């Protein structure tokens, strides 16, 4: 089970940190990350981290502003979001795969086996 937290309403340029805590199993050796979705659009890739080697991958739209990290002891993944923009407004979803992903598979939401509940992030201009 994945439990996401940390969303909210902020102004453009502000920061937020999302957390995703895994329970019921550990995801060491797997891939975990975040997708986001706005009404009427497909859920899109944001960022992921490989638990085993700490390798990260980001969508071009968030590179340089968002940072994904993990805490092994807490079985938790974080998404630090800085310099937020109104276009970052969306429901954010934590996702985890039962195996390590790479290449194009990282961006395909159907490959991820576990999903947390969506949390709203709203950025006003």
PDB file of N, CA and C in Angstrom:
ATOM      1  N   UNK A   1       0.844  -1.189   0.000  1.00  0.00           N
ATOM      2  CA  UNK A   1       0.000   0.000   0.000  1.00  0.00           C
ATOM      3  C   UNK A   1       0.884   1.245   0.000  1.00  0.00           C
ATOM      4  N   UNK A   2       0.467   2.242  -0.759  1.00  0.00           N
ATOM      5  CA  UNK A   2       1.202   3.494  -0.825  1.00  0.00           C
ATOM      6  C   UNK A   2       0.338   4.615  -0.291  1.00  0.00           C
ATOM      7  N   UNK A   3       0.884   5.380   0.631  1.00  0.00           N
ATOM      8  CA  UNK A   3       0.159   6.489   1.248  1.00  0.00           C
ATOM      9  C   UNK A   3       0.866   7.776   0.929  1.00  0.00           C
ATOM     10  N   UNK A   4       0.208   8.625   0.152  1.00  0.00           N
ATOM     11  CA  UNK A   4       0.809   9.892  -0.243  1.00  0.00           C
ATOM     12  C   UNK A   4       0.306  11.016   0.653  1.00  0.00           C
ATOM     13  N   UNK A   5       1.157  12.015   0.837  1.00  0.00           N
ATOM     14  CA  UNK A   5       0.788  13.176   1.637  1.00  0.00           C
ATOM     15  C   UNK A   5       1.611  14.378   1.199  1.00  0.00           C
ATOM     16  N   UNK A   6       1.174  15.561   1.652  1.00  0.00           N
ATOM     17  CA  UNK A   6       1.984  16.751   1.431  1.00  0.00           C
ATOM     18  C   UNK A   6       1.462  17.732   0.405  1.00  0.00           C
ATOM     19  N   UNK A   7       0.328  17.459  -0.208  1.00  0.00           N
ATOM     20  CA  UNK A   7      -0.190  18.389  -1.197  1.00  0.00           C
ATOM     21  C   UNK A   7      -0.731  19.654  -0.552  1.00  0.00           C
ATOM     22  N   UNK A   8      -1.203  20.567  -1.390  1.00  0.00           N
ATOM     23  CA  UNK A   8      -1.766  21.794  -0.847  1.00  0.00           C
ATOM     24  C   UNK A   8      -1.870  22.873  -1.895  1.00  0.00           C
ATOM     25  N   UNK A   9      -2.158  24.061  -1.398  1.00  0.00           N
ATOM     26  CA  UNK A   9      -2.305  25.232  -2.266  1.00  0.00           C
ATOM     27  C   UNK A   9      -1.170  26.191  -1.993  1.00  0.00           C
ATOM     28  N   UNK A  10      -0.471  26.611  -3.046  1.00  0.00           N
ATOM     29  CA  UNK A  10       0.651  27.539  -2.902  1.00  0.00           C
ATOM     30  C   UNK A  10       0.604  28.565  -4.026  1.00  0.00           C
ATOM     31  N   UNK A  11       1.445  29.557  -3.918  1.00  0.00           N
ATOM     32  CA  UNK A  11       1.554  30.548  -4.983  1.00  0.00           C
ATOM     33  C   UNK A  11       2.745  30.207  -5.881  1.00  0.00           C
ATOM     34  N   UNK A  12       2.707  30.725  -7.083  1.00  0.00           N
ATOM     35  CA  UNK A  12       3.791  30.481  -8.027  1.00  0.00           C
ATOM     36  C   UNK A  12       5.118  30.904  -7.400  1.00  0.00           C
ATOM     37  N   UNK A  13       6.129  30.056  -7.573  1.00  0.00           N
ATOM     38  CA  UNK A  13       7.441  30.310  -7.011  1.00  0.00           C
ATOM     39  C   UNK A  13       7.681  29.651  -5.666  1.00  0.00           C
ATOM     40  N   UNK A  14       6.605  29.185  -5.043  1.00  0.00           N
ATOM     41  CA  UNK A  14       6.726  28.518  -3.744  1.00  0.00           C
ATOM     42  C   UNK A  14       7.183  27.068  -3.910  1.00  0.00           C
ATOM     43  N   UNK A  15       7.334  26.405  -2.771  1.00  0.00           N
ATOM     44  CA  UNK A  15       7.789  25.012  -2.748  1.00  0.00           C
ATOM     45  C   UNK A  15       6.807  24.142  -1.972  1.00  0.00           C
ATOM     46  N   UNK A  16       6.805  22.861  -2.314  1.00  0.00           N
ATOM     47  CA  UNK A  16       6.057  21.847  -1.580  1.00  0.00           C
ATOM     48  C   UNK A  16       6.863  20.564  -1.601  1.00  0.00           C
ATOM     49  N   UNK A  17       6.665  19.718  -0.591  1.00  0.00           N
ATOM     50  CA  UNK A  17       7.273  18.404  -0.596  1.00  0.00           C
ATOM     51  C   UNK A  17       6.195  17.343  -0.446  1.00  0.00           C
ATOM     52  N   UNK A  18       6.154  16.438  -1.391  1.00  0.00           N
ATOM     53  CA  UNK A  18       5.243  15.306  -1.325  1.00  0.00           C
ATOM     54  C   UNK A  18       5.977  14.098  -0.750  1.00  0.00           C
ATOM     55  N   UNK A  19       5.244  13.289   0.001  1.00  0.00           N
ATOM     56  CA  UNK A  19       5.801  12.062   0.555  1.00  0.00           C
ATOM     57  C   UNK A  19       4.948  10.873   0.130  1.00  0.00           C
ATOM     58  N   UNK A  20       5.598   9.745  -0.026  1.00  0.00           N
ATOM     59  CA  UNK A  20       4.890   8.511  -0.362  1.00  0.00           C
ATOM     60  C   UNK A  20       5.475   7.405   0.498  1.00  0.00           C
ATOM     61  N   UNK A  21       4.699   6.956   1.466  1.00  0.00           N
ATOM     62  CA  UNK A  21       5.152   5.921   2.387  1.00  0.00           C
ATOM     63  C   UNK A  21       4.574   4.573   1.968  1.00  0.00           C
ATOM     64  N   UNK A  22       5.452   3.591   1.856  1.00  0.00           N
ATOM     65  CA  UNK A  22       5.026   2.242   1.475  1.00  0.00           C
ATOM     66  C   UNK A  22       4.849   1.399   2.725  1.00  0.00           C
ATOM     67  N   UNK A  23       3.792   0.627   2.741  1.00  0.00           N
ATOM     68  CA  UNK A  23       3.555  -0.277   3.859  1.00  0.00           C
ATOM     69  C   UNK A  23       3.127  -1.635   3.310  1.00  0.00           C
ATOM     70  N   UNK A  24       3.321  -2.645   4.103  1.00  0.00           N
ATOM     71  CA  UNK A  24       2.906  -3.972   3.688  1.00  0.00           C
ATOM     72  C   UNK A  24       3.978  -4.748   2.952  1.00  0.00           C
ATOM     73  N   UNK A  25       4.921  -4.030   2.381  1.00  0.00           N
ATOM     74  CA  UNK A  25       6.051  -4.663   1.723  1.00  0.00           C
ATOM     75  C   UNK A  25       7.115  -3.602   1.518  1.00  0.00           C
ATOM     76  N   UNK A  26       8.339  -4.032   1.285  1.00  0.00           N
ATOM     77  CA  UNK A  26       9.408  -3.093   0.965  1.00  0.00           C
ATOM     78  C   UNK A  26       9.596  -3.061  -0.539  1.00  0.00           C
ATOM     79  N   UNK A  27      10.120  -1.945  -1.008  1.00  0.00           N
ATOM     80  CA  UNK A  27      10.329  -1.779  -2.438  1.00  0.00           C
ATOM     81  C   UNK A  27      11.810  -1.647  -2.775  1.00  0.00           C
ATOM     82  N   UNK A  28      12.660  -2.157  -1.907  1.00  0.00           N
ATOM     83  CA  UNK A  28      14.077  -2.132  -2.224  1.00  0.00           C
ATOM     84  C   UNK A  28      14.312  -2.955  -3.486  1.00  0.00           C
ATOM     85  N   UNK A  29      15.093  -2.399  -4.394  1.00  0.00           N
ATOM     86  CA  UNK A  29      15.318  -3.079  -5.650  1.00  0.00           C
ATOM     87  C   UNK A  29      14.252  -2.802  -6.680  1.00  0.00           C
ATOM     88  N   UNK A  30      13.351  -1.863  -6.390  1.00  0.00           N
ATOM     89  CA  UNK A  30      12.264  -1.551  -7.321  1.00  0.00           C
ATOM     90  C   UNK A  30      12.343  -0.089  -7.772  1.00  0.00           C
ATOM     91  N   UNK A  31      11.374   0.285  -8.576  1.00  0.00           N
ATOM     92  CA  UNK A  31      11.278   1.659  -9.048  1.00  0.00           C
ATOM     93  C   UNK A  31      10.035   2.296  -8.448  1.00  0.00           C
ATOM     94  N   UNK A  32      10.186   3.486  -7.891  1.00  0.00           N
ATOM     95  CA  UNK A  32       9.059   4.237  -7.337  1.00  0.00           C
ATOM     96  C   UNK A  32       9.108   5.656  -7.857  1.00  0.00           C
ATOM     97  N   UNK A  33       7.946   6.275  -7.924  1.00  0.00           N
ATOM     98  CA  UNK A  33       7.952   7.649  -8.408  1.00  0.00           C
ATOM     99  C   UNK A  33       6.594   8.292  -8.398  1.00  0.00           C
ATOM    100  N   UNK A  34       6.452   9.322  -9.210  1.00  0.00           N
ATOM    101  CA  UNK A  34       5.270  10.155  -9.223  1.00  0.00           C
ATOM    102  C   UNK A  34       4.782  10.402 -10.653  1.00  0.00           C
ATOM    103  N   UNK A  35       3.470  10.385 -10.775  1.00  0.00           N
ATOM    104  CA  UNK A  35       2.784  10.830 -11.980  1.00  0.00           C
ATOM    105  C   UNK A  35       1.810  11.923 -11.564  1.00  0.00           C
ATOM    106  N   UNK A  36       1.280  12.655 -12.524  1.00  0.00           N
ATOM    107  CA  UNK A  36       0.274  13.660 -12.214  1.00  0.00           C
ATOM    108  C   UNK A  36      -0.773  13.709 -13.312  1.00  0.00           C
ATOM    109  N   UNK A  37      -1.944  14.231 -12.924  1.00  0.00           N
ATOM    110  CA  UNK A  37      -3.063  14.247 -13.865  1.00  0.00           C
ATOM    111  C   UNK A  37      -3.941  15.457 -13.624  1.00  0.00           C
ATOM    112  N   UNK A  38      -4.344  16.095 -14.709  1.00  0.00           N
ATOM    113  CA  UNK A  38      -5.323  17.168 -14.645  1.00  0.00           C
ATOM    114  C   UNK A  38      -6.592  16.666 -15.330  1.00  0.00           C
ATOM    115  N   UNK A  39      -7.738  17.220 -14.968  1.00  0.00           N
ATOM    116  CA  UNK A  39      -8.995  16.748 -15.553  1.00  0.00           C
ATOM    117  C   UNK A  39      -8.980  16.814 -17.079  1.00  0.00           C
ATOM    118  N   UNK A  40      -9.403  15.729 -17.701  1.00  0.00           N
ATOM    119  CA  UNK A  40      -9.491  15.693 -19.154  1.00  0.00           C
ATOM    120  C   UNK A  40      -8.210  15.310 -19.862  1.00  0.00           C
ATOM    121  N   UNK A  41      -7.167  15.058 -19.081  1.00  0.00           N
ATOM    122  CA  UNK A  41      -5.893  14.698 -19.702  1.00  0.00           C
ATOM    123  C   UNK A  41      -5.390  13.376 -19.156  1.00  0.00           C
ATOM    124  N   UNK A  42      -4.462  12.782 -19.895  1.00  0.00           N
ATOM    125  CA  UNK A  42      -3.854  11.540 -19.447  1.00  0.00           C
ATOM    126  C   UNK A  42      -2.938  11.794 -18.239  1.00  0.00           C
ATOM    127  N   UNK A  43      -2.811  10.742 -17.428  1.00  0.00           N
ATOM    128  CA  UNK A  43      -1.862  10.829 -16.323  1.00  0.00           C
ATOM    129  C   UNK A  43      -0.453  10.837 -16.910  1.00  0.00           C
ATOM    130  N   UNK A  44       0.373  11.781 -16.461  1.00  0.00           N
ATOM    131  CA  UNK A  44       1.689  11.935 -17.068  1.00  0.00           C
ATOM    132  C   UNK A  44       2.803  11.690 -16.061  1.00  0.00           C
ATOM    133  N   UNK A  45       3.907  11.239 -16.602  1.00  0.00           N
ATOM    134  CA  UNK A  45       5.102  10.940 -15.826  1.00  0.00           C
ATOM    135  C   UNK A  45       5.701  12.220 -15.259  1.00  0.00           C
ATOM    136  N   UNK A  46       6.166  12.157 -14.002  1.00  0.00           N
ATOM    137  CA  UNK A  46       6.840  13.303 -13.385  1.00  0.00           C
ATOM    138  C   UNK A  46       8.289  12.952 -13.044  1.00  0.00           C
ATOM    139  N   UNK A  47       8.473  11.948 -12.208  1.00  0.00           N
ATOM    140  CA  UNK A  47       9.820  11.578 -11.784  1.00  0.00           C
ATOM    141  C   UNK A  47       9.783  10.202 -11.127  1.00  0.00           C
ATOM    142  N   UNK A  48      10.914   9.484 -11.242  1.00  0.00           N
ATOM    143  CA  UNK A  48      11.034   8.190 -10.578  1.00  0.00           C
ATOM    144  C   UNK A  48      12.441   8.023 -10.043  1.00  0.00           C
ATOM    145  N   UNK A  49      12.584   7.074  -9.129  1.00  0.00           N
ATOM    146  CA  UNK A  49      13.877   6.737  -8.567  1.00  0.00           C
ATOM    147  C   UNK A  49      13.970   5.221  -8.463  1.00  0.00           C
ATOM    148  N   UNK A  50      15.144   4.695  -8.826  1.00  0.00           N
ATOM    149  CA  UNK A  50      15.389   3.277  -8.645  1.00  0.00           C
ATOM    150  C   UNK A  50      15.921   3.048  -7.239  1.00  0.00           C
ATOM    151  N   UNK A  51      15.239   2.192  -6.516  1.00  0.00           N
ATOM    152  CA  UNK A  51      15.590   1.999  -5.120  1.00  0.00           C
ATOM    153  C   UNK A  51      16.995   1.430  -4.962  1.00  0.00           C
ATOM    154  N   UNK A  52      17.426   0.586  -5.894  1.00  0.00           N
ATOM    155  CA  UNK A  52      18.691  -0.124  -5.721  1.00  0.00           C
ATOM    156  C   UNK A  52      19.910   0.748  -5.963  1.00  0.00           C
ATOM    157  N   UNK A  53      19.873   1.594  -7.002  1.00  0.00           N
ATOM    158  CA  UNK A  53      21.065   2.376  -7.340  1.00  0.00           C
ATOM    159  C   UNK A  53      20.849   3.884  -7.248  1.00  0.00           C
ATOM    160  N   UNK A  54      19.677   4.281  -6.777  1.00  0.00           N
ATOM    161  CA  UNK A  54      19.386   5.699  -6.576  1.00  0.00           C
ATOM    162  C   UNK A  54      19.318   6.497  -7.875  1.00  0.00           C
ATOM    163  N   UNK A  55      19.234   5.826  -8.991  1.00  0.00           N
ATOM    164  CA  UNK A  55      19.163   6.534 -10.268  1.00  0.00           C
ATOM    165  C   UNK A  55      17.798   7.200 -10.427  1.00  0.00           C
ATOM    166  N   UNK A  56      17.828   8.459 -10.871  1.00  0.00           N
ATOM    167  CA  UNK A  56      16.592   9.227 -11.005  1.00  0.00           C
ATOM    168  C   UNK A  56      16.336   9.613 -12.457  1.00  0.00           C
ATOM    169  N   UNK A  57      15.069   9.790 -12.775  1.00  0.00           N
ATOM    170  CA  UNK A  57      14.657  10.234 -14.093  1.00  0.00           C
ATOM    171  C   UNK A  57      13.527  11.236 -13.925  1.00  0.00           C
ATOM    172  N   UNK A  58      13.586  12.323 -14.701  1.00  0.00           N
ATOM    173  CA  UNK A  58      12.599  13.391 -14.582  1.00  0.00           C
ATOM    174  C   UNK A  58      11.980  13.721 -15.938  1.00  0.00           C
ATOM    175  N   UNK A  59      10.746  14.172 -15.875  1.00  0.00           N
ATOM    176  CA  UNK A  59      10.135  14.759 -17.060  1.00  0.00           C
ATOM    177  C   UNK A  59      10.835  16.076 -17.363  1.00  0.00           C
ATOM    178  N   UNK A  60      10.915  16.416 -18.638  1.00  0.00           N
ATOM    179  CA  UNK A  60      11.587  17.659 -19.017  1.00  0.00           C
ATOM    180  C   UNK A  60      10.942  18.869 -18.350  1.00  0.00           C
ATOM    181  N   UNK A  61       9.645  18.818 -18.147  1.00  0.00           N
ATOM    182  CA  UNK A  61       8.920  19.968 -17.609  1.00  0.00           C
ATOM    183  C   UNK A  61       9.265  20.269 -16.156  1.00  0.00           C
ATOM    184  N   UNK A  62       9.882  19.325 -15.449  1.00  0.00           N
ATOM    185  CA  UNK A  62      10.187  19.548 -14.038  1.00  0.00           C
ATOM    186  C   UNK A  62      11.684  19.503 -13.734  1.00  0.00           C
ATOM    187  N   UNK A  63      12.497  19.188 -14.721  1.00  0.00           N
ATOM    188  CA  UNK A  63      13.946  19.117 -14.497  1.00  0.00           C
ATOM    189  C   UNK A  63      14.467  20.439 -13.974  1.00  0.00           C
ATOM    190  N   UNK A  64      15.320  20.340 -12.966  1.00  0.00           N
ATOM    191  CA  UNK A  64      15.906  21.543 -12.382  1.00  0.00           C
ATOM    192  C   UNK A  64      15.054  22.172 -11.310  1.00  0.00           C
ATOM    193  N   UNK A  65      13.784  21.746 -11.205  1.00  0.00           N
ATOM    194  CA  UNK A  65      12.890  22.317 -10.193  1.00  0.00           C
ATOM    195  C   UNK A  65      12.452  21.272  -9.171  1.00  0.00           C
ATOM    196  N   UNK A  66      12.258  20.028  -9.605  1.00  0.00           N
ATOM    197  CA  UNK A  66      11.810  18.957  -8.726  1.00  0.00           C
ATOM    198  C   UNK A  66      12.976  18.016  -8.433  1.00  0.00           C
ATOM    199  N   UNK A  67      12.971  17.460  -7.222  1.00  0.00           N
ATOM    200  CA  UNK A  67      13.974  16.478  -6.833  1.00  0.00           C
ATOM    201  C   UNK A  67      13.293  15.309  -6.145  1.00  0.00           C
ATOM    202  N   UNK A  68      13.552  14.110  -6.642  1.00  0.00           N
ATOM    203  CA  UNK A  68      13.001  12.906  -6.014  1.00  0.00           C
ATOM    204  C   UNK A  68      14.092  12.250  -5.189  1.00  0.00           C
ATOM    205  N   UNK A  69      13.725  11.751  -4.034  1.00  0.00           N
ATOM    206  CA  UNK A  69      14.688  11.097  -3.156  1.00  0.00           C
ATOM    207  C   UNK A  69      13.978  10.011  -2.368  1.00  0.00           C
ATOM    208  N   UNK A  70      14.768   9.221  -1.631  1.00  0.00           N
ATOM    209  CA  UNK A  70      14.174   8.121  -0.874  1.00  0.00           C
ATOM    210  C   UNK A  70      14.825   8.008   0.491  1.00  0.00           C
ATOM    211  N   UNK A  71      14.078   7.426   1.403  1.00  0.00           N
ATOM    212  CA  UNK A  71      14.579   7.128   2.746  1.00  0.00           C
ATOM    213  C   UNK A  71      14.347   5.638   2.980  1.00  0.00           C
ATOM    214  N   UNK A  72      15.422   4.885   2.949  1.00  0.00           N
ATOM    215  CA  UNK A  72      15.295   3.430   3.083  1.00  0.00           C
ATOM    216  C   UNK A  72      14.659   3.034   4.401  1.00  0.00           C
ATOM    217  N   UNK A  73      15.108   3.669   5.462  1.00  0.00           N
ATOM    218  CA  UNK A  73      14.645   3.286   6.797  1.00  0.00           C
ATOM    219  C   UNK A  73      13.143   3.497   6.942  1.00  0.00           C
ATOM    220  N   UNK A  74      12.646   4.529   6.278  1.00  0.00           N
ATOM    221  CA  UNK A  74      11.220   4.851   6.384  1.00  0.00           C
ATOM    222  C   UNK A  74      10.406   4.269   5.226  1.00  0.00           C
ATOM    223  N   UNK A  75      11.075   3.631   4.285  1.00  0.00           N
ATOM    224  CA  UNK A  75      10.388   3.059   3.127  1.00  0.00           C
ATOM    225  C   UNK A  75       9.524   4.118   2.444  1.00  0.00           C
ATOM    226  N   UNK A  76      10.117   5.283   2.289  1.00  0.00           N
ATOM    227  CA  UNK A  76       9.376   6.460   1.821  1.00  0.00           C
ATOM    228  C   UNK A  76      10.132   7.141   0.686  1.00  0.00           C
ATOM    229  N   UNK A  77       9.375   7.615  -0.296  1.00  0.00           N
ATOM    230  CA  UNK A  77       9.914   8.408  -1.393  1.00  0.00           C
ATOM    231  C   UNK A  77       9.367   9.829  -1.284  1.00  0.00           C
ATOM    232  N   UNK A  78      10.211  10.790  -1.584  1.00  0.00           N
ATOM    233  CA  UNK A  78       9.833  12.203  -1.490  1.00  0.00           C
ATOM    234  C   UNK A  78       9.945  12.875  -2.852  1.00  0.00           C
ATOM    235  N   UNK A  79       9.120  13.875  -3.049  1.00  0.00           N
ATOM    236  CA  UNK A  79       9.241  14.728  -4.232  1.00  0.00           C
ATOM    237  C   UNK A  79       9.284  16.174  -3.757  1.00  0.00           C
ATOM    238  N   UNK A  80      10.474  16.750  -3.787  1.00  0.00           N
ATOM    239  CA  UNK A  80      10.633  18.162  -3.439  1.00  0.00           C
ATOM    240  C   UNK A  80      10.363  18.985  -4.685  1.00  0.00           C
ATOM    241  N   UNK A  81       9.377  19.855  -4.597  1.00  0.00           N
ATOM    242  CA  UNK A  81       8.966  20.661  -5.744  1.00  0.00           C
ATOM    243  C   UNK A  81       9.250  22.122  -5.445  1.00  0.00           C
ATOM    244  N   UNK A  82      10.176  22.698  -6.189  1.00  0.00           N
ATOM    245  CA  UNK A  82      10.555  24.103  -6.022  1.00  0.00           C
ATOM    246  C   UNK A  82      10.145  24.906  -7.250  1.00  0.00           C
ATOM    247  N   UNK A  83      10.121  26.203  -7.071  1.00  0.00           N
ATOM    248  CA  UNK A  83       9.771  27.133  -8.155  1.00  0.00           C
ATOM    249  C   UNK A  83       8.508  26.643  -8.869  1.00  0.00           C
ATOM    250  N   UNK A  84       7.483  26.376  -8.079  1.00  0.00           N
ATOM    251  CA  UNK A  84       6.253  25.832  -8.642  1.00  0.00           C
ATOM    252  C   UNK A  84       5.598  26.829  -9.589  1.00  0.00           C
ATOM    253  N   UNK A  85       4.971  26.277 -10.626  1.00  0.00           N
ATOM    254  CA  UNK A  85       4.294  27.077 -11.642  1.00  0.00           C
ATOM    255  C   UNK A  85       2.817  26.695 -11.681  1.00  0.00           C
ATOM    256  N   UNK A  86       1.967  27.573 -12.158  1.00  0.00           N
ATOM    257  CA  UNK A  86       0.539  27.214 -12.270  1.00  0.00           C
ATOM    258  C   UNK A  86       0.316  25.936 -13.082  1.00  0.00           C
ATOM    259  N   UNK A  87       1.155  25.688 -14.064  1.00  0.00           N
ATOM    260  CA  UNK A  87       0.996  24.471 -14.877  1.00  0.00           C
ATOM    261  C   UNK A  87       1.369  23.193 -14.134  1.00  0.00           C
ATOM    262  N   UNK A  88       1.903  23.335 -12.922  1.00  0.00           N
ATOM    263  CA  UNK A  88       2.164  22.160 -12.089  1.00  0.00           C
ATOM    264  C   UNK A  88       0.907  21.727 -11.334  1.00  0.00           C
ATOM    265  N   UNK A  89      -0.138  22.514 -11.404  1.00  0.00           N
ATOM    266  CA  UNK A  89      -1.387  22.175 -10.734  1.00  0.00           C
ATOM    267  C   UNK A  89      -1.940  20.867 -11.277  1.00  0.00           C
ATOM    268  N   UNK A  90      -2.182  19.905 -10.386  1.00  0.00           N
ATOM    269  CA  UNK A  90      -2.652  18.580 -10.793  1.00  0.00           C
ATOM    270  C   UNK A  90      -2.888  17.727  -9.554  1.00  0.00           C
ATOM    271  N   UNK A  91      -3.497  16.564  -9.785  1.00  0.00           N
ATOM    272  CA  UNK A  91      -3.506  15.498  -8.789  1.00  0.00           C
ATOM    273  C   UNK A  91      -2.218  14.714  -8.984  1.00  0.00           C
ATOM    274  N   UNK A  92      -1.499  14.536  -7.908  1.00  0.00           N
ATOM    275  CA  UNK A  92      -0.235  13.807  -7.969  1.00  0.00           C
ATOM    276  C   UNK A  92      -0.437  12.407  -7.386  1.00  0.00           C
ATOM    277  N   UNK A  93       0.111  11.418  -8.105  1.00  0.00           N
ATOM    278  CA  UNK A  93      -0.042  10.026  -7.710  1.00  0.00           C
ATOM    279  C   UNK A  93       1.323   9.372  -7.523  1.00  0.00           C
ATOM    280  N   UNK A  94       1.474   8.714  -6.395  1.00  0.00           N
ATOM    281  CA  UNK A  94       2.653   7.923  -6.138  1.00  0.00           C
ATOM    282  C   UNK A  94       2.479   6.561  -6.802  1.00  0.00           C
ATOM    283  N   UNK A  95       3.565   6.024  -7.375  1.00  0.00           N
ATOM    284  CA  UNK A  95       3.493   4.735  -8.053  1.00  0.00           C
ATOM    285  C   UNK A  95       4.722   3.912  -7.736  1.00  0.00           C
ATOM    286  N   UNK A  96       4.542   2.598  -7.777  1.00  0.00           N
ATOM    287  CA  UNK A  96       5.674   1.702  -7.529  1.00  0.00           C
ATOM    288  C   UNK A  96       5.550   0.484  -8.422  1.00  0.00           C
ATOM    289  N   UNK A  97       6.697   0.027  -8.869  1.00  0.00           N
ATOM    290  CA  UNK A  97       6.750  -1.176  -9.678  1.00  0.00           C
ATOM    291  C   UNK A  97       7.282  -2.335  -8.842  1.00  0.00           C
ATOM    292  N   UNK A  98       6.877  -3.522  -9.164  1.00  0.00           N
ATOM    293  CA  UNK A  98       7.372  -4.699  -8.450  1.00  0.00           C
ATOM    294  C   UNK A  98       8.757  -5.116  -8.935  1.00  0.00           C
ATOM    295  N   UNK A  99       9.308  -4.398  -9.878  1.00  0.00           N
ATOM    296  CA  UNK A  99      10.649  -4.688 -10.381  1.00  0.00           C
ATOM    297  C   UNK A  99      11.317  -3.384 -10.796  1.00  0.00           C
ATOM    298  N   UNK A 100      12.586  -3.477 -11.101  1.00  0.00           N
ATOM    299  CA  UNK A 100      13.324  -2.303 -11.552  1.00  0.00           C
ATOM    300  C   UNK A 100      12.968  -2.023 -13.011  1.00  0.00           C
ATOM    301  N   UNK A 101      12.647  -0.780 -13.282  1.00  0.00           N
ATOM    302  CA  UNK A 101      12.311  -0.385 -14.638  1.00  0.00           C
ATOM    303  C   UNK A 101      13.429   0.455 -15.242  1.00  0.00           C
ATOM    304  N   UNK A 102      13.462   0.498 -16.562  1.00  0.00           N
ATOM    305  CA  UNK A 102      14.443   1.323 -17.232  1.00  0.00           C
ATOM    306  C   UNK A 102      13.963   1.700 -18.609  1.00  0.00           C
ATOM    307  N   UNK A 103      14.634   2.663 -19.206  1.00  0.00           N
ATOM    308  CA  UNK A 103      14.322   3.071 -20.568  1.00  0.00           C
ATOM    309  C   UNK A 103      12.890   3.548 -20.712  1.00  0.00           C
ATOM    310  N   UNK A 104      12.274   3.266 -21.850  1.00  0.00           N
ATOM    311  CA  UNK A 104      10.915   3.770 -22.110  1.00  0.00           C
ATOM    312  C   UNK A 104       9.868   3.278 -21.114  1.00  0.00           C
ATOM    313  N   UNK A 105      10.111   2.142 -20.469  1.00  0.00           N
ATOM    314  CA  UNK A 105       9.135   1.612 -19.526  1.00  0.00           C
ATOM    315  C   UNK A 105       8.871   2.566 -18.372  1.00  0.00           C
ATOM    316  N   UNK A 106       9.837   3.376 -18.045  1.00  0.00           N
ATOM    317  CA  UNK A 106       9.679   4.300 -16.923  1.00  0.00           C
ATOM    318  C   UNK A 106       8.475   5.199 -17.098  1.00  0.00           C
ATOM    319  N   UNK A 107       8.158   5.537 -18.327  1.00  0.00           N
ATOM    320  CA  UNK A 107       7.148   6.548 -18.621  1.00  0.00           C
ATOM    321  C   UNK A 107       5.744   5.967 -18.816  1.00  0.00           C
ATOM    322  N   UNK A 108       5.621   4.650 -18.749  1.00  0.00           N
ATOM    323  CA  UNK A 108       4.352   3.986 -19.046  1.00  0.00           C
ATOM    324  C   UNK A 108       3.631   3.661 -17.759  1.00  0.00           C
ATOM    325  N   UNK A 109       2.510   4.311 -17.507  1.00  0.00           N
ATOM    326  CA  UNK A 109       1.837   4.161 -16.212  1.00  0.00           C
ATOM    327  C   UNK A 109       1.309   2.753 -15.987  1.00  0.00           C
ATOM    328  N   UNK A 110       0.954   2.043 -17.057  1.00  0.00           N
ATOM    329  CA  UNK A 110       0.388   0.709 -16.891  1.00  0.00           C
ATOM    330  C   UNK A 110       1.408  -0.306 -16.388  1.00  0.00           C
ATOM    331  N   UNK A 111       2.691   0.036 -16.454  1.00  0.00           N
ATOM    332  CA  UNK A 111       3.748  -0.871 -15.995  1.00  0.00           C
ATOM    333  C   UNK A 111       3.844  -0.875 -14.470  1.00  0.00           C
ATOM    334  N   UNK A 112       3.372   0.176 -13.849  1.00  0.00           N
ATOM    335  CA  UNK A 112       3.467   0.284 -12.393  1.00  0.00           C
ATOM    336  C   UNK A 112       2.355  -0.526 -11.736  1.00  0.00           C
ATOM    337  N   UNK A 113       2.732  -1.291 -10.697  1.00  0.00           N
ATOM    338  CA  UNK A 113       1.808  -2.241 -10.084  1.00  0.00           C
ATOM    339  C   UNK A 113       1.027  -1.661  -8.913  1.00  0.00           C
ATOM    340  N   UNK A 114       1.567  -0.662  -8.272  1.00  0.00           N
ATOM    341  CA  UNK A 114       0.952  -0.122  -7.063  1.00  0.00           C
ATOM    342  C   UNK A 114       0.780   1.388  -7.206  1.00  0.00           C
ATOM    343  N   UNK A 115      -0.335   1.872  -6.713  1.00  0.00           N
ATOM    344  CA  UNK A 115      -0.638   3.304  -6.793  1.00  0.00           C
ATOM    345  C   UNK A 115      -1.168   3.802  -5.463  1.00  0.00           C
ATOM    346  N   UNK A 116      -0.745   5.018  -5.103  1.00  0.00           N
ATOM    347  CA  UNK A 116      -1.320   5.672  -3.953  1.00  0.00           C
ATOM    348  C   UNK A 116      -2.530   6.489  -4.356  1.00  0.00           C
ATOM    349  N   UNK A 117      -3.180   7.051  -3.356  1.00  0.00           N
ATOM    350  CA  UNK A 117      -4.312   7.925  -3.658  1.00  0.00           C
ATOM    351  C   UNK A 117      -3.793   9.240  -4.221  1.00  0.00           C
ATOM    352  N   UNK A 118      -4.533   9.896  -5.031  1.00  0.00           N
ATOM    353  CA  UNK A 118      -4.110  11.165  -5.578  1.00  0.00           C
ATOM    354  C   UNK A 118      -4.158  12.256  -4.531  1.00  0.00           C
ATOM    355  N   UNK A 119      -3.200  13.168  -4.593  1.00  0.00           N
ATOM    356  CA  UNK A 119      -3.223  14.320  -3.717  1.00  0.00           C
ATOM    357  C   UNK A 119      -3.150  15.574  -4.571  1.00  0.00           C
ATOM    358  N   UNK A 120      -3.911  16.564  -4.177  1.00  0.00           N
ATOM    359  CA  UNK A 120      -4.031  17.762  -4.998  1.00  0.00           C
ATOM    360  C   UNK A 120      -2.913  18.743  -4.707  1.00  0.00           C
ATOM    361  N   UNK A 121      -2.315  19.246  -5.762  1.00  0.00           N
ATOM    362  CA  UNK A 121      -1.373  20.361  -5.681  1.00  0.00           C
ATOM    363  C   UNK A 121      -1.944  21.467  -6.552  1.00  0.00           C
ATOM    364  N   UNK A 122      -2.153  22.636  -5.948  1.00  0.00           N
ATOM    365  CA  UNK A 122      -2.694  23.773  -6.669  1.00  0.00           C
ATOM    366  C   UNK A 122      -1.729  24.937  -6.556  1.00  0.00           C
ATOM    367  N   UNK A 123      -1.319  25.470  -7.700  1.00  0.00           N
ATOM    368  CA  UNK A 123      -0.389  26.592  -7.737  1.00  0.00           C
ATOM    369  C   UNK A 123      -1.085  27.770  -8.393  1.00  0.00           C
ATOM    370  N   UNK A 124      -1.224  28.846  -7.642  1.00  0.00           N
ATOM    371  CA  UNK A 124      -1.899  30.024  -8.191  1.00  0.00           C
ATOM    372  C   UNK A 124      -0.867  31.028  -8.701  1.00  0.00           C
ATOM    373  N   UNK A 125      -1.272  31.787  -9.711  1.00  0.00           N
ATOM    374  CA  UNK A 125      -0.346  32.760 -10.305  1.00  0.00           C
ATOM    375  C   UNK A 125      -0.400  34.084  -9.581  1.00  0.00           C
TER     376      UNK A 125
END
